[in-house]
Amino acid sequence: MKTRKHTYIMIATALIISSLLVGCEKEDSSAGAKSIEGLFYYYTDEANKKIMVIDMSAFSPFRRSYTLTDDVTLEDIAKEMDHLVLKVYRPSPVSPIAAKKGNLIKSKVVEGDWLFVGSIPFLGLTSKSSKNWFEASEFSNEATGFIFHKMEVIGGEDVYAIESVGYPGRFMTHSGHPIQGTNLLFLDVFSGPEKAPRFRLYNPKSIFLEGDPSVPTDAYFAW
């Protein structure tokens, strides 16, 4: 009798442990999904704390310059210019962009205005489309798709080389187009992500609300 009771206890214990492990696996899998949002920037003069931040507020996205000081921090910039907080989204699962592990990108607080790479008048220039999330996922030539190659981590910040899905081998650069504008956000040709310019991602401590009701919750996480 004692042996049978002991066996029941062992079985019950095993079942409890098994259920806990399953629960942990589910929790870990959801925790593994990661959103990418914040200020995408790079230093032009790190010694003097001069930076450039991607700004999508204009019709043609560009790079806005700042000098960081005790009174002008990355957190201050995010709070005062909340449209600079960009967010990366998974596209619709039926989109060809999704099959290539590409993502969409826009200002988090703005409705629509998805970034895309254009070919007219010059291939590599960027612009914005005010379509909804699903339409942006199906944008022509996969021009709204971007692959975020995580290259390293510096000071706790992820660092990415950002490649076009529609135009493979073209990456976001630290220089604008020489004819159309030196500050414009431009994608140029590089042999691979290790050779391409890199953008640091600052994750603000402040909370910014989602500005596009067309985006489903499961699209908040990047690949």
N, C-alpha and C. Protein backbone atom coordinates (compact mmCIF):
# COMPACT_ATOMS: atom_id res chain seq x y z
N MET A 1 0.84 -1.21 0.00
CA MET A 1 0.00 0.00 0.00
C MET A 1 0.86 1.25 0.00
N LYS A 2 1.92 1.14 0.82
CA LYS A 2 2.83 2.28 0.91
C LYS A 2 3.53 2.51 -0.44
N THR A 3 3.87 1.38 -1.09
CA THR A 3 4.55 1.48 -2.38
C THR A 3 3.64 2.09 -3.43
N ARG A 4 2.34 1.66 -3.44
CA ARG A 4 1.39 2.20 -4.41
C ARG A 4 1.18 3.70 -4.18
N LYS A 5 1.06 4.10 -2.93
CA LYS A 5 0.88 5.52 -2.61
C LYS A 5 2.09 6.33 -3.06
N HIS A 6 3.27 5.76 -2.84
CA HIS A 6 4.50 6.43 -3.25
C HIS A 6 4.54 6.60 -4.77
N THR A 7 4.05 5.57 -5.48
CA THR A 7 4.01 5.63 -6.94
C THR A 7 3.08 6.73 -7.42
N TYR A 8 1.88 6.84 -6.78
CA TYR A 8 0.93 7.89 -7.14
C TYR A 8 1.54 9.28 -6.95
N ILE A 9 2.26 9.42 -5.86
CA ILE A 9 2.89 10.73 -5.57
C ILE A 9 3.91 11.08 -6.64
N MET A 10 4.70 10.07 -7.04
CA MET A 10 5.73 10.29 -8.07
C MET A 10 5.08 10.68 -9.40
N ILE A 11 3.98 9.99 -9.76
CA ILE A 11 3.29 10.30 -11.02
C ILE A 11 2.70 11.70 -10.98
N ALA A 12 2.07 12.04 -9.85
CA ALA A 12 1.48 13.37 -9.72
C ALA A 12 2.55 14.45 -9.81
N THR A 13 3.68 14.20 -9.17
CA THR A 13 4.79 15.16 -9.21
C THR A 13 5.30 15.35 -10.64
N ALA A 14 5.41 14.24 -11.36
CA ALA A 14 5.89 14.29 -12.74
C ALA A 14 4.94 15.09 -13.62
N LEU A 15 3.63 14.89 -13.42
CA LEU A 15 2.64 15.62 -14.20
C LEU A 15 2.70 17.12 -13.93
N ILE A 16 2.88 17.48 -12.66
CA ILE A 16 2.97 18.90 -12.29
C ILE A 16 4.20 19.54 -12.94
N ILE A 17 5.33 18.83 -12.83
CA ILE A 17 6.57 19.37 -13.43
C ILE A 17 6.42 19.51 -14.94
N SER A 18 5.78 18.50 -15.56
CA SER A 18 5.57 18.54 -17.01
C SER A 18 4.73 19.73 -17.42
N SER A 19 3.65 19.99 -16.66
CA SER A 19 2.77 21.12 -16.99
C SER A 19 3.49 22.45 -16.81
N LEU A 20 4.36 22.51 -15.79
CA LEU A 20 5.13 23.74 -15.57
C LEU A 20 6.11 23.99 -16.69
N LEU A 21 6.73 22.90 -17.18
CA LEU A 21 7.67 23.04 -18.29
C LEU A 21 6.99 23.51 -19.55
N VAL A 22 5.79 22.96 -19.83
CA VAL A 22 5.02 23.38 -21.00
C VAL A 22 4.68 24.86 -20.89
N GLY A 23 4.27 25.28 -19.68
CA GLY A 23 3.95 26.69 -19.45
C GLY A 23 5.15 27.58 -19.68
N CYS A 24 6.33 27.11 -19.22
CA CYS A 24 7.55 27.88 -19.40
C CYS A 24 7.91 27.99 -20.87
N GLU A 25 7.71 26.88 -21.62
CA GLU A 25 8.00 26.90 -23.05
C GLU A 25 7.14 27.93 -23.76
N LYS A 26 5.84 27.97 -23.39
CA LYS A 26 4.94 28.94 -24.01
C LYS A 26 5.37 30.35 -23.67
N GLU A 27 5.75 30.55 -22.41
CA GLU A 27 6.15 31.88 -21.99
C GLU A 27 7.43 32.30 -22.68
N ASP A 28 8.39 31.33 -22.81
CA ASP A 28 9.65 31.64 -23.46
C ASP A 28 9.44 31.96 -24.93
N SER A 29 8.52 31.22 -25.60
CA SER A 29 8.30 31.47 -27.02
C SER A 29 7.72 32.84 -27.25
N SER A 30 6.83 33.29 -26.38
CA SER A 30 6.27 34.63 -26.55
C SER A 30 7.30 35.69 -26.20
N ALA A 31 8.13 35.37 -25.20
CA ALA A 31 9.16 36.33 -24.81
C ALA A 31 10.22 36.45 -25.90
N GLY A 32 10.36 35.38 -26.73
CA GLY A 32 11.36 35.41 -27.78
C GLY A 32 10.99 36.38 -28.89
N ALA A 33 9.68 36.63 -29.08
CA ALA A 33 9.24 37.59 -30.08
C ALA A 33 9.60 38.98 -29.59
N LYS A 34 10.23 39.74 -30.44
CA LYS A 34 10.77 41.03 -30.01
C LYS A 34 10.31 42.15 -30.92
N SER A 35 9.86 43.22 -30.32
CA SER A 35 9.53 44.40 -31.12
C SER A 35 10.79 45.24 -31.29
N ILE A 36 10.88 45.91 -32.41
CA ILE A 36 12.00 46.81 -32.69
C ILE A 36 11.42 48.20 -32.84
N GLU A 37 11.68 49.07 -31.89
CA GLU A 37 11.17 50.43 -32.00
C GLU A 37 12.07 51.39 -31.24
N GLY A 38 12.10 52.61 -31.71
CA GLY A 38 12.92 53.63 -31.06
C GLY A 38 13.52 54.59 -32.08
N LEU A 39 14.58 55.25 -31.68
CA LEU A 39 15.29 56.18 -32.57
C LEU A 39 16.39 55.41 -33.30
N PHE A 40 16.37 55.46 -34.62
CA PHE A 40 17.46 54.90 -35.40
C PHE A 40 18.44 56.03 -35.70
N TYR A 41 19.67 55.89 -35.22
CA TYR A 41 20.62 56.99 -35.34
C TYR A 41 22.04 56.45 -35.50
N TYR A 42 22.96 57.36 -35.80
CA TYR A 42 24.38 57.02 -35.83
C TYR A 42 25.17 58.28 -35.49
N TYR A 43 26.39 58.09 -35.08
CA TYR A 43 27.26 59.22 -34.75
C TYR A 43 27.98 59.71 -36.00
N THR A 44 27.97 61.01 -36.20
CA THR A 44 28.82 61.61 -37.23
C THR A 44 30.13 62.09 -36.62
N ASP A 45 30.09 62.37 -35.33
CA ASP A 45 31.29 62.79 -34.58
C ASP A 45 31.06 62.36 -33.14
N GLU A 46 31.49 61.14 -32.83
CA GLU A 46 31.19 60.59 -31.50
C GLU A 46 31.88 61.36 -30.39
N ALA A 47 33.10 61.88 -30.65
CA ALA A 47 33.83 62.62 -29.63
C ALA A 47 33.06 63.86 -29.19
N ASN A 48 32.38 64.50 -30.15
CA ASN A 48 31.59 65.70 -29.85
C ASN A 48 30.10 65.43 -29.77
N LYS A 49 29.73 64.15 -29.74
CA LYS A 49 28.35 63.69 -29.54
C LYS A 49 27.38 64.23 -30.59
N LYS A 50 27.85 64.28 -31.83
CA LYS A 50 26.99 64.71 -32.93
C LYS A 50 26.39 63.48 -33.59
N ILE A 51 25.08 63.50 -33.77
CA ILE A 51 24.38 62.34 -34.33
C ILE A 51 23.44 62.75 -35.47
N MET A 52 23.01 61.75 -36.22
CA MET A 52 21.96 61.92 -37.22
C MET A 52 20.88 60.87 -36.92
N VAL A 53 19.62 61.31 -36.94
CA VAL A 53 18.48 60.44 -36.63
C VAL A 53 17.57 60.34 -37.85
N ILE A 54 17.10 59.14 -38.16
CA ILE A 54 16.15 58.99 -39.27
C ILE A 54 14.85 59.70 -38.94
N ASP A 55 14.40 60.55 -39.84
CA ASP A 55 13.17 61.33 -39.66
C ASP A 55 12.27 61.07 -40.86
N MET A 56 11.07 60.55 -40.60
CA MET A 56 10.13 60.25 -41.68
C MET A 56 9.01 61.26 -41.78
N SER A 57 9.18 62.44 -41.19
CA SER A 57 8.08 63.41 -41.15
C SER A 57 7.85 64.09 -42.50
N ALA A 58 8.88 64.19 -43.32
CA ALA A 58 8.73 64.85 -44.62
C ALA A 58 8.29 63.84 -45.67
N PHE A 59 7.86 64.34 -46.83
CA PHE A 59 7.43 63.45 -47.91
C PHE A 59 8.58 62.52 -48.29
N SER A 60 9.79 63.08 -48.36
CA SER A 60 10.98 62.26 -48.59
C SER A 60 11.73 62.15 -47.27
N PRO A 61 11.74 60.99 -46.65
CA PRO A 61 12.42 60.82 -45.35
C PRO A 61 13.87 61.27 -45.42
N PHE A 62 14.35 61.79 -44.31
CA PHE A 62 15.71 62.33 -44.30
C PHE A 62 16.38 62.02 -42.97
N ARG A 63 17.56 62.59 -42.76
CA ARG A 63 18.33 62.39 -41.53
C ARG A 63 18.47 63.74 -40.83
N ARG A 64 18.01 63.80 -39.58
CA ARG A 64 18.01 65.04 -38.81
C ARG A 64 19.20 65.03 -37.84
N SER A 65 19.90 66.16 -37.77
CA SER A 65 21.12 66.23 -36.94
C SER A 65 20.84 66.81 -35.56
N TYR A 66 21.55 66.28 -34.56
CA TYR A 66 21.49 66.75 -33.18
C TYR A 66 22.88 66.69 -32.58
N THR A 67 23.08 67.50 -31.54
CA THR A 67 24.27 67.38 -30.70
C THR A 67 23.79 67.03 -29.30
N LEU A 68 24.22 65.88 -28.81
CA LEU A 68 23.78 65.43 -27.49
C LEU A 68 24.53 66.19 -26.39
N THR A 69 23.79 66.62 -25.38
CA THR A 69 24.35 67.31 -24.22
C THR A 69 23.62 66.82 -22.98
N ASP A 70 23.96 67.39 -21.84
CA ASP A 70 23.24 67.04 -20.62
C ASP A 70 21.77 67.44 -20.71
N ASP A 71 21.48 68.47 -21.51
CA ASP A 71 20.11 68.98 -21.66
C ASP A 71 19.41 68.44 -22.91
N VAL A 72 20.15 67.78 -23.77
CA VAL A 72 19.57 67.20 -24.99
C VAL A 72 20.03 65.75 -25.08
N THR A 73 19.22 64.86 -24.53
CA THR A 73 19.54 63.44 -24.55
C THR A 73 18.66 62.74 -25.59
N LEU A 74 18.97 61.50 -25.88
CA LEU A 74 18.14 60.73 -26.80
C LEU A 74 16.72 60.60 -26.27
N GLU A 75 16.58 60.46 -24.95
CA GLU A 75 15.25 60.38 -24.36
C GLU A 75 14.50 61.69 -24.55
N ASP A 76 15.19 62.82 -24.37
CA ASP A 76 14.56 64.13 -24.58
C ASP A 76 14.08 64.28 -26.01
N ILE A 77 14.92 63.86 -26.96
CA ILE A 77 14.56 63.97 -28.37
C ILE A 77 13.31 63.14 -28.67
N ALA A 78 13.26 61.92 -28.14
CA ALA A 78 12.10 61.05 -28.37
C ALA A 78 10.82 61.66 -27.81
N LYS A 79 10.90 62.25 -26.63
CA LYS A 79 9.71 62.83 -26.00
C LYS A 79 9.25 64.10 -26.71
N GLU A 80 10.20 64.92 -27.14
CA GLU A 80 9.84 66.19 -27.78
C GLU A 80 9.49 66.03 -29.26
N MET A 81 10.04 65.00 -29.90
CA MET A 81 9.79 64.75 -31.33
C MET A 81 9.32 63.29 -31.46
N ASP A 82 8.13 63.01 -30.95
CA ASP A 82 7.70 61.61 -30.87
C ASP A 82 7.57 60.93 -32.22
N HIS A 83 7.42 61.71 -33.29
CA HIS A 83 7.32 61.09 -34.62
C HIS A 83 8.64 60.44 -35.05
N LEU A 84 9.74 60.78 -34.35
CA LEU A 84 11.03 60.17 -34.67
C LEU A 84 11.13 58.74 -34.15
N VAL A 85 10.20 58.36 -33.27
CA VAL A 85 10.20 56.99 -32.75
C VAL A 85 9.62 56.09 -33.84
N LEU A 86 10.49 55.31 -34.47
CA LEU A 86 10.07 54.43 -35.55
C LEU A 86 9.78 53.04 -34.99
N LYS A 87 8.93 52.32 -35.69
CA LYS A 87 8.61 50.96 -35.27
C LYS A 87 8.66 50.03 -36.48
N VAL A 88 9.12 48.82 -36.23
CA VAL A 88 9.25 47.81 -37.27
C VAL A 88 8.13 46.78 -37.09
N TYR A 89 7.45 46.42 -38.18
CA TYR A 89 6.29 45.53 -38.11
C TYR A 89 6.44 44.35 -39.07
N ARG A 90 5.93 43.20 -38.64
CA ARG A 90 5.82 42.10 -39.58
C ARG A 90 4.72 42.41 -40.59
N PRO A 91 4.93 42.04 -41.85
CA PRO A 91 3.87 42.23 -42.85
C PRO A 91 2.81 41.14 -42.74
N SER A 92 1.80 41.23 -43.57
CA SER A 92 0.80 40.17 -43.65
C SER A 92 1.49 38.85 -43.98
N PRO A 93 1.08 37.75 -43.34
CA PRO A 93 1.74 36.47 -43.60
C PRO A 93 1.60 35.98 -45.04
N VAL A 94 0.62 36.50 -45.77
CA VAL A 94 0.45 36.09 -47.17
C VAL A 94 1.26 36.98 -48.12
N SER A 95 1.95 37.96 -47.58
CA SER A 95 2.75 38.86 -48.40
C SER A 95 4.05 38.20 -48.83
N PRO A 96 4.50 38.47 -50.06
CA PRO A 96 5.81 37.94 -50.49
C PRO A 96 6.95 38.50 -49.65
N ILE A 97 6.73 39.66 -49.02
CA ILE A 97 7.74 40.24 -48.12
C ILE A 97 7.96 39.31 -46.93
N ALA A 98 6.87 38.73 -46.43
CA ALA A 98 6.97 37.83 -45.27
C ALA A 98 7.78 36.59 -45.60
N ALA A 99 7.62 36.08 -46.81
CA ALA A 99 8.35 34.89 -47.22
C ALA A 99 9.86 35.13 -47.23
N LYS A 100 10.25 36.39 -47.35
CA LYS A 100 11.68 36.75 -47.38
C LYS A 100 12.14 37.32 -46.03
N LYS A 101 11.29 37.13 -44.99
CA LYS A 101 11.60 37.62 -43.64
C LYS A 101 11.83 39.13 -43.62
N GLY A 102 11.09 39.83 -44.47
CA GLY A 102 11.18 41.28 -44.49
C GLY A 102 10.19 41.89 -43.52
N ASN A 103 10.41 43.15 -43.18
CA ASN A 103 9.54 43.88 -42.26
C ASN A 103 9.13 45.22 -42.86
N LEU A 104 8.07 45.79 -42.30
CA LEU A 104 7.62 47.13 -42.66
C LEU A 104 8.11 48.11 -41.60
N ILE A 105 8.15 49.39 -41.95
CA ILE A 105 8.62 50.37 -40.98
C ILE A 105 7.88 51.69 -41.17
N LYS A 106 7.53 52.32 -40.04
CA LYS A 106 6.91 53.64 -40.07
C LYS A 106 7.12 54.31 -38.72
N SER A 107 6.74 55.57 -38.63
CA SER A 107 6.71 56.25 -37.33
C SER A 107 5.61 55.61 -36.49
N LYS A 108 5.92 55.22 -35.25
CA LYS A 108 4.95 54.50 -34.43
C LYS A 108 3.68 55.29 -34.21
N VAL A 109 3.79 56.58 -33.95
CA VAL A 109 2.63 57.38 -33.54
C VAL A 109 1.81 57.88 -34.72
N VAL A 110 2.29 57.65 -35.94
CA VAL A 110 1.62 58.17 -37.13
C VAL A 110 0.80 57.06 -37.78
N GLU A 111 -0.36 57.39 -38.29
CA GLU A 111 -1.18 56.42 -39.02
C GLU A 111 -0.71 56.36 -40.46
N GLY A 112 -0.37 55.17 -40.92
CA GLY A 112 0.11 55.03 -42.29
C GLY A 112 1.53 55.55 -42.45
N ASP A 113 1.83 56.07 -43.65
CA ASP A 113 3.16 56.60 -43.97
C ASP A 113 4.24 55.53 -43.84
N TRP A 114 4.04 54.42 -44.54
CA TRP A 114 5.02 53.33 -44.55
C TRP A 114 6.19 53.67 -45.46
N LEU A 115 7.37 53.42 -44.98
CA LEU A 115 8.58 53.72 -45.75
C LEU A 115 8.70 52.76 -46.93
N PHE A 116 9.08 53.30 -48.10
CA PHE A 116 9.37 52.43 -49.23
C PHE A 116 10.54 52.98 -50.03
N VAL A 117 11.16 52.09 -50.80
CA VAL A 117 12.29 52.47 -51.65
C VAL A 117 11.77 52.69 -53.05
N GLY A 118 12.11 53.84 -53.63
CA GLY A 118 11.64 54.18 -54.97
C GLY A 118 12.71 53.96 -56.03
N SER A 119 12.28 54.03 -57.28
CA SER A 119 13.22 53.87 -58.40
C SER A 119 13.17 55.06 -59.35
N ILE A 120 12.24 56.02 -59.10
CA ILE A 120 12.09 57.19 -59.96
C ILE A 120 12.23 58.45 -59.11
N PRO A 121 13.04 59.42 -59.47
CA PRO A 121 13.91 59.44 -60.66
C PRO A 121 15.22 58.69 -60.47
N PHE A 122 15.54 58.30 -59.22
CA PHE A 122 16.78 57.57 -58.98
C PHE A 122 16.49 56.39 -58.07
N LEU A 123 16.96 55.22 -58.43
CA LEU A 123 16.79 54.04 -57.59
C LEU A 123 17.51 54.24 -56.26
N GLY A 124 16.81 53.94 -55.18
CA GLY A 124 17.41 54.05 -53.86
C GLY A 124 16.85 55.17 -53.02
N LEU A 125 16.15 56.12 -53.65
CA LEU A 125 15.52 57.18 -52.87
C LEU A 125 14.32 56.60 -52.11
N THR A 126 14.01 57.20 -50.98
CA THR A 126 12.90 56.70 -50.17
C THR A 126 11.73 57.68 -50.16
N SER A 127 10.55 57.12 -49.93
CA SER A 127 9.36 57.94 -49.80
C SER A 127 8.41 57.21 -48.85
N LYS A 128 7.17 57.73 -48.72
CA LYS A 128 6.20 57.15 -47.80
C LYS A 128 4.88 56.87 -48.51
N SER A 129 4.22 55.81 -48.08
CA SER A 129 2.92 55.47 -48.60
C SER A 129 1.89 55.51 -47.47
N SER A 130 0.78 56.21 -47.68
CA SER A 130 -0.25 56.34 -46.65
C SER A 130 -1.30 55.24 -46.73
N LYS A 131 -0.89 54.05 -47.11
CA LYS A 131 -1.81 52.92 -47.17
C LYS A 131 -1.99 52.31 -45.78
N ASN A 132 -2.97 51.41 -45.64
CA ASN A 132 -3.10 50.71 -44.38
C ASN A 132 -2.09 49.56 -44.32
N TRP A 133 -2.05 48.88 -43.18
CA TRP A 133 -1.04 47.85 -42.96
C TRP A 133 -1.07 46.75 -44.01
N PHE A 134 -2.28 46.24 -44.33
CA PHE A 134 -2.37 45.14 -45.28
C PHE A 134 -1.93 45.60 -46.68
N GLU A 135 -2.37 46.79 -47.09
CA GLU A 135 -1.98 47.30 -48.41
C GLU A 135 -0.48 47.55 -48.47
N ALA A 136 0.09 48.03 -47.37
CA ALA A 136 1.54 48.24 -47.33
C ALA A 136 2.28 46.91 -47.46
N SER A 137 1.67 45.83 -46.91
CA SER A 137 2.27 44.50 -47.02
C SER A 137 2.30 44.01 -48.46
N GLU A 138 1.35 44.51 -49.26
CA GLU A 138 1.24 44.08 -50.66
C GLU A 138 1.76 45.13 -51.63
N PHE A 139 2.56 46.07 -51.14
CA PHE A 139 3.06 47.17 -51.96
C PHE A 139 3.84 46.62 -53.16
N SER A 140 3.72 47.32 -54.29
CA SER A 140 4.35 46.83 -55.52
C SER A 140 5.87 46.73 -55.38
N ASN A 141 6.42 45.74 -56.05
CA ASN A 141 7.88 45.50 -56.10
C ASN A 141 8.49 45.24 -54.73
N GLU A 142 7.64 44.89 -53.74
CA GLU A 142 8.14 44.60 -52.39
C GLU A 142 8.97 45.76 -51.83
N ALA A 143 8.63 46.97 -52.27
CA ALA A 143 9.46 48.13 -51.94
C ALA A 143 9.31 48.59 -50.49
N THR A 144 8.26 48.12 -49.79
CA THR A 144 8.10 48.49 -48.38
C THR A 144 8.78 47.49 -47.45
N GLY A 145 9.44 46.49 -48.00
CA GLY A 145 10.08 45.46 -47.19
C GLY A 145 11.52 45.79 -46.84
N PHE A 146 11.89 45.54 -45.58
CA PHE A 146 13.27 45.79 -45.13
C PHE A 146 13.73 44.63 -44.24
N ILE A 147 14.97 44.23 -44.43
CA ILE A 147 15.58 43.20 -43.58
C ILE A 147 16.52 43.89 -42.61
N PHE A 148 16.33 43.62 -41.32
CA PHE A 148 17.15 44.24 -40.28
C PHE A 148 18.22 43.24 -39.84
N HIS A 149 19.43 43.45 -40.34
CA HIS A 149 20.55 42.59 -40.00
C HIS A 149 21.17 43.10 -38.70
N LYS A 150 20.98 42.35 -37.62
CA LYS A 150 21.58 42.76 -36.35
C LYS A 150 23.07 42.42 -36.39
N MET A 151 23.91 43.45 -36.31
CA MET A 151 25.34 43.27 -36.49
C MET A 151 26.11 43.18 -35.18
N GLU A 152 25.67 43.94 -34.18
CA GLU A 152 26.37 43.96 -32.90
C GLU A 152 25.51 44.69 -31.87
N VAL A 153 26.01 44.75 -30.66
CA VAL A 153 25.38 45.52 -29.59
C VAL A 153 26.43 46.44 -29.01
N ILE A 154 26.11 47.75 -28.96
CA ILE A 154 27.04 48.74 -28.41
C ILE A 154 26.33 49.49 -27.29
N GLY A 155 26.92 49.45 -26.11
CA GLY A 155 26.32 50.16 -24.99
C GLY A 155 24.89 49.75 -24.70
N GLY A 156 24.58 48.49 -24.93
CA GLY A 156 23.22 48.00 -24.70
C GLY A 156 22.26 48.27 -25.84
N GLU A 157 22.73 48.90 -26.90
CA GLU A 157 21.87 49.23 -28.05
C GLU A 157 22.17 48.28 -29.21
N ASP A 158 21.10 47.72 -29.80
CA ASP A 158 21.27 46.88 -30.98
C ASP A 158 21.69 47.75 -32.16
N VAL A 159 22.55 47.19 -33.00
CA VAL A 159 23.07 47.92 -34.16
C VAL A 159 22.72 47.12 -35.41
N TYR A 160 22.10 47.79 -36.39
CA TYR A 160 21.59 47.11 -37.58
C TYR A 160 22.16 47.69 -38.88
N ALA A 161 22.32 46.79 -39.84
CA ALA A 161 22.44 47.19 -41.25
C ALA A 161 21.07 46.89 -41.85
N ILE A 162 20.49 47.86 -42.57
CA ILE A 162 19.10 47.75 -43.00
C ILE A 162 19.05 47.64 -44.53
N GLU A 163 18.57 46.49 -45.00
CA GLU A 163 18.58 46.16 -46.43
C GLU A 163 17.18 46.16 -47.01
N SER A 164 17.07 46.56 -48.26
CA SER A 164 15.79 46.52 -48.97
C SER A 164 15.47 45.10 -49.41
N VAL A 165 14.20 44.68 -49.25
CA VAL A 165 13.75 43.39 -49.76
C VAL A 165 13.56 43.47 -51.26
N GLY A 166 12.93 44.54 -51.72
CA GLY A 166 12.65 44.69 -53.14
C GLY A 166 13.88 44.91 -53.99
N TYR A 167 14.93 45.48 -53.37
CA TYR A 167 16.18 45.75 -54.09
C TYR A 167 17.34 45.18 -53.28
N PRO A 168 17.50 43.86 -53.30
CA PRO A 168 18.54 43.21 -52.49
C PRO A 168 19.93 43.80 -52.78
N GLY A 169 20.70 43.96 -51.72
CA GLY A 169 22.04 44.53 -51.87
C GLY A 169 22.07 46.03 -51.68
N ARG A 170 20.87 46.64 -51.55
CA ARG A 170 20.80 48.08 -51.26
C ARG A 170 20.51 48.27 -49.77
N PHE A 171 21.35 49.07 -49.13
CA PHE A 171 21.25 49.29 -47.69
C PHE A 171 21.11 50.78 -47.39
N MET A 172 20.44 51.09 -46.27
CA MET A 172 20.35 52.47 -45.81
C MET A 172 21.76 53.00 -45.55
N THR A 173 21.99 54.21 -45.99
CA THR A 173 23.33 54.78 -45.91
C THR A 173 23.40 55.94 -44.92
N HIS A 174 24.62 56.39 -44.69
CA HIS A 174 24.87 57.57 -43.85
C HIS A 174 25.04 58.81 -44.73
N SER A 175 24.71 58.68 -45.99
CA SER A 175 24.84 59.83 -46.90
C SER A 175 23.60 59.91 -47.76
N GLY A 176 23.22 61.12 -48.12
CA GLY A 176 22.04 61.30 -48.96
C GLY A 176 22.39 61.16 -50.42
N HIS A 177 21.39 61.40 -51.26
CA HIS A 177 21.65 61.33 -52.69
C HIS A 177 22.41 62.58 -53.13
N PRO A 178 23.48 62.43 -53.89
CA PRO A 178 24.32 63.59 -54.26
C PRO A 178 23.61 64.61 -55.14
N ILE A 179 22.53 64.21 -55.81
CA ILE A 179 21.82 65.14 -56.70
C ILE A 179 20.53 65.61 -56.04
N GLN A 180 19.75 64.70 -55.50
CA GLN A 180 18.44 65.04 -54.97
C GLN A 180 18.49 65.72 -53.60
N GLY A 181 19.54 65.46 -52.83
CA GLY A 181 19.63 66.10 -51.51
C GLY A 181 20.56 65.33 -50.59
N THR A 182 21.47 66.02 -49.97
CA THR A 182 22.49 65.36 -49.15
C THR A 182 21.93 64.82 -47.84
N ASN A 183 20.76 65.28 -47.43
CA ASN A 183 20.19 64.80 -46.18
C ASN A 183 19.11 63.74 -46.37
N LEU A 184 18.77 63.44 -47.62
CA LEU A 184 17.70 62.48 -47.86
C LEU A 184 18.13 61.08 -47.44
N LEU A 185 17.17 60.28 -47.02
CA LEU A 185 17.44 58.89 -46.66
C LEU A 185 17.54 58.08 -47.95
N PHE A 186 18.69 57.49 -48.16
CA PHE A 186 19.01 56.86 -49.44
C PHE A 186 19.55 55.45 -49.20
N LEU A 187 19.21 54.52 -50.10
CA LEU A 187 19.75 53.17 -50.04
C LEU A 187 20.71 52.95 -51.20
N ASP A 188 21.94 52.62 -50.88
CA ASP A 188 22.97 52.41 -51.90
C ASP A 188 23.44 50.96 -51.89
N VAL A 189 24.22 50.60 -52.89
CA VAL A 189 24.66 49.22 -53.07
C VAL A 189 25.89 48.93 -52.22
N PHE A 190 25.84 47.81 -51.49
CA PHE A 190 26.98 47.30 -50.73
C PHE A 190 27.04 45.79 -50.93
N SER A 191 28.23 45.24 -50.80
CA SER A 191 28.42 43.81 -51.08
C SER A 191 27.76 42.90 -50.05
N GLY A 192 27.44 43.45 -48.89
CA GLY A 192 26.79 42.65 -47.85
C GLY A 192 26.59 43.48 -46.60
N PRO A 193 25.82 42.96 -45.63
CA PRO A 193 25.53 43.74 -44.42
C PRO A 193 26.79 44.12 -43.63
N GLU A 194 27.82 43.27 -43.68
CA GLU A 194 29.04 43.59 -42.94
C GLU A 194 29.77 44.80 -43.53
N LYS A 195 29.47 45.15 -44.78
CA LYS A 195 30.11 46.30 -45.43
C LYS A 195 29.21 47.54 -45.40
N ALA A 196 27.96 47.35 -45.03
CA ALA A 196 26.98 48.44 -45.10
C ALA A 196 27.05 49.34 -43.86
N PRO A 197 26.59 50.59 -43.98
CA PRO A 197 26.50 51.48 -42.82
C PRO A 197 25.57 50.90 -41.76
N ARG A 198 25.82 51.28 -40.52
CA ARG A 198 25.05 50.72 -39.41
C ARG A 198 24.31 51.80 -38.64
N PHE A 199 23.13 51.43 -38.17
CA PHE A 199 22.29 52.33 -37.40
C PHE A 199 22.07 51.75 -36.01
N ARG A 200 22.27 52.59 -35.01
CA ARG A 200 22.01 52.17 -33.64
C ARG A 200 20.54 52.39 -33.31
N LEU A 201 20.00 51.57 -32.40
CA LEU A 201 18.60 51.70 -32.01
C LEU A 201 18.53 52.07 -30.53
N TYR A 202 18.02 53.29 -30.29
CA TYR A 202 17.79 53.71 -28.90
C TYR A 202 16.36 53.41 -28.52
N ASN A 203 16.16 52.60 -27.49
CA ASN A 203 14.82 52.27 -27.00
C ASN A 203 14.41 53.25 -25.91
N PRO A 204 13.48 54.15 -26.19
CA PRO A 204 13.06 55.13 -25.17
C PRO A 204 12.43 54.47 -23.96
N LYS A 205 12.61 55.12 -22.83
CA LYS A 205 11.95 54.66 -21.61
C LYS A 205 10.49 55.12 -21.58
N SER A 206 10.20 56.21 -22.26
CA SER A 206 8.84 56.73 -22.33
C SER A 206 7.98 55.81 -23.20
N ILE A 207 6.67 55.85 -22.97
CA ILE A 207 5.74 55.01 -23.71
C ILE A 207 5.06 55.85 -24.80
N PHE A 208 5.03 55.29 -26.01
CA PHE A 208 4.39 55.97 -27.15
C PHE A 208 3.29 55.05 -27.69
N LEU A 209 2.10 55.60 -27.83
CA LEU A 209 0.96 54.80 -28.23
C LEU A 209 0.99 54.49 -29.72
N GLU A 210 0.48 53.33 -30.08
CA GLU A 210 0.38 52.93 -31.47
C GLU A 210 -0.57 53.86 -32.21
N GLY A 211 -0.12 54.38 -33.35
CA GLY A 211 -0.90 55.38 -34.06
C GLY A 211 -1.66 54.86 -35.27
N ASP A 212 -1.62 53.55 -35.51
CA ASP A 212 -2.29 53.02 -36.70
C ASP A 212 -3.21 51.88 -36.31
N PRO A 213 -4.52 52.09 -36.32
CA PRO A 213 -5.47 51.04 -35.92
C PRO A 213 -5.53 49.88 -36.89
N SER A 214 -4.94 50.02 -38.07
CA SER A 214 -5.01 48.93 -39.05
C SER A 214 -3.99 47.84 -38.76
N VAL A 215 -3.06 48.10 -37.85
CA VAL A 215 -2.00 47.12 -37.58
C VAL A 215 -2.47 46.09 -36.55
N PRO A 216 -2.51 44.81 -36.89
CA PRO A 216 -2.91 43.79 -35.91
C PRO A 216 -1.80 43.59 -34.88
N THR A 217 -2.19 43.16 -33.69
CA THR A 217 -1.23 43.00 -32.59
C THR A 217 -0.10 42.05 -32.93
N ASP A 218 -0.41 40.99 -33.66
CA ASP A 218 0.65 40.01 -33.96
C ASP A 218 1.66 40.53 -34.96
N ALA A 219 1.41 41.70 -35.55
CA ALA A 219 2.38 42.30 -36.47
C ALA A 219 3.34 43.25 -35.75
N TYR A 220 3.14 43.42 -34.42
CA TYR A 220 4.00 44.33 -33.67
C TYR A 220 5.42 43.79 -33.51
N PHE A 221 5.59 42.48 -33.72
CA PHE A 221 6.89 41.88 -33.48
C PHE A 221 7.63 41.67 -34.79
N ALA A 222 8.91 42.00 -34.82
CA ALA A 222 9.71 41.85 -36.03
C ALA A 222 10.28 40.44 -36.11
N TRP A 223 10.76 40.10 -37.28
CA TRP A 223 11.38 38.78 -37.46
C TRP A 223 12.67 38.74 -36.69
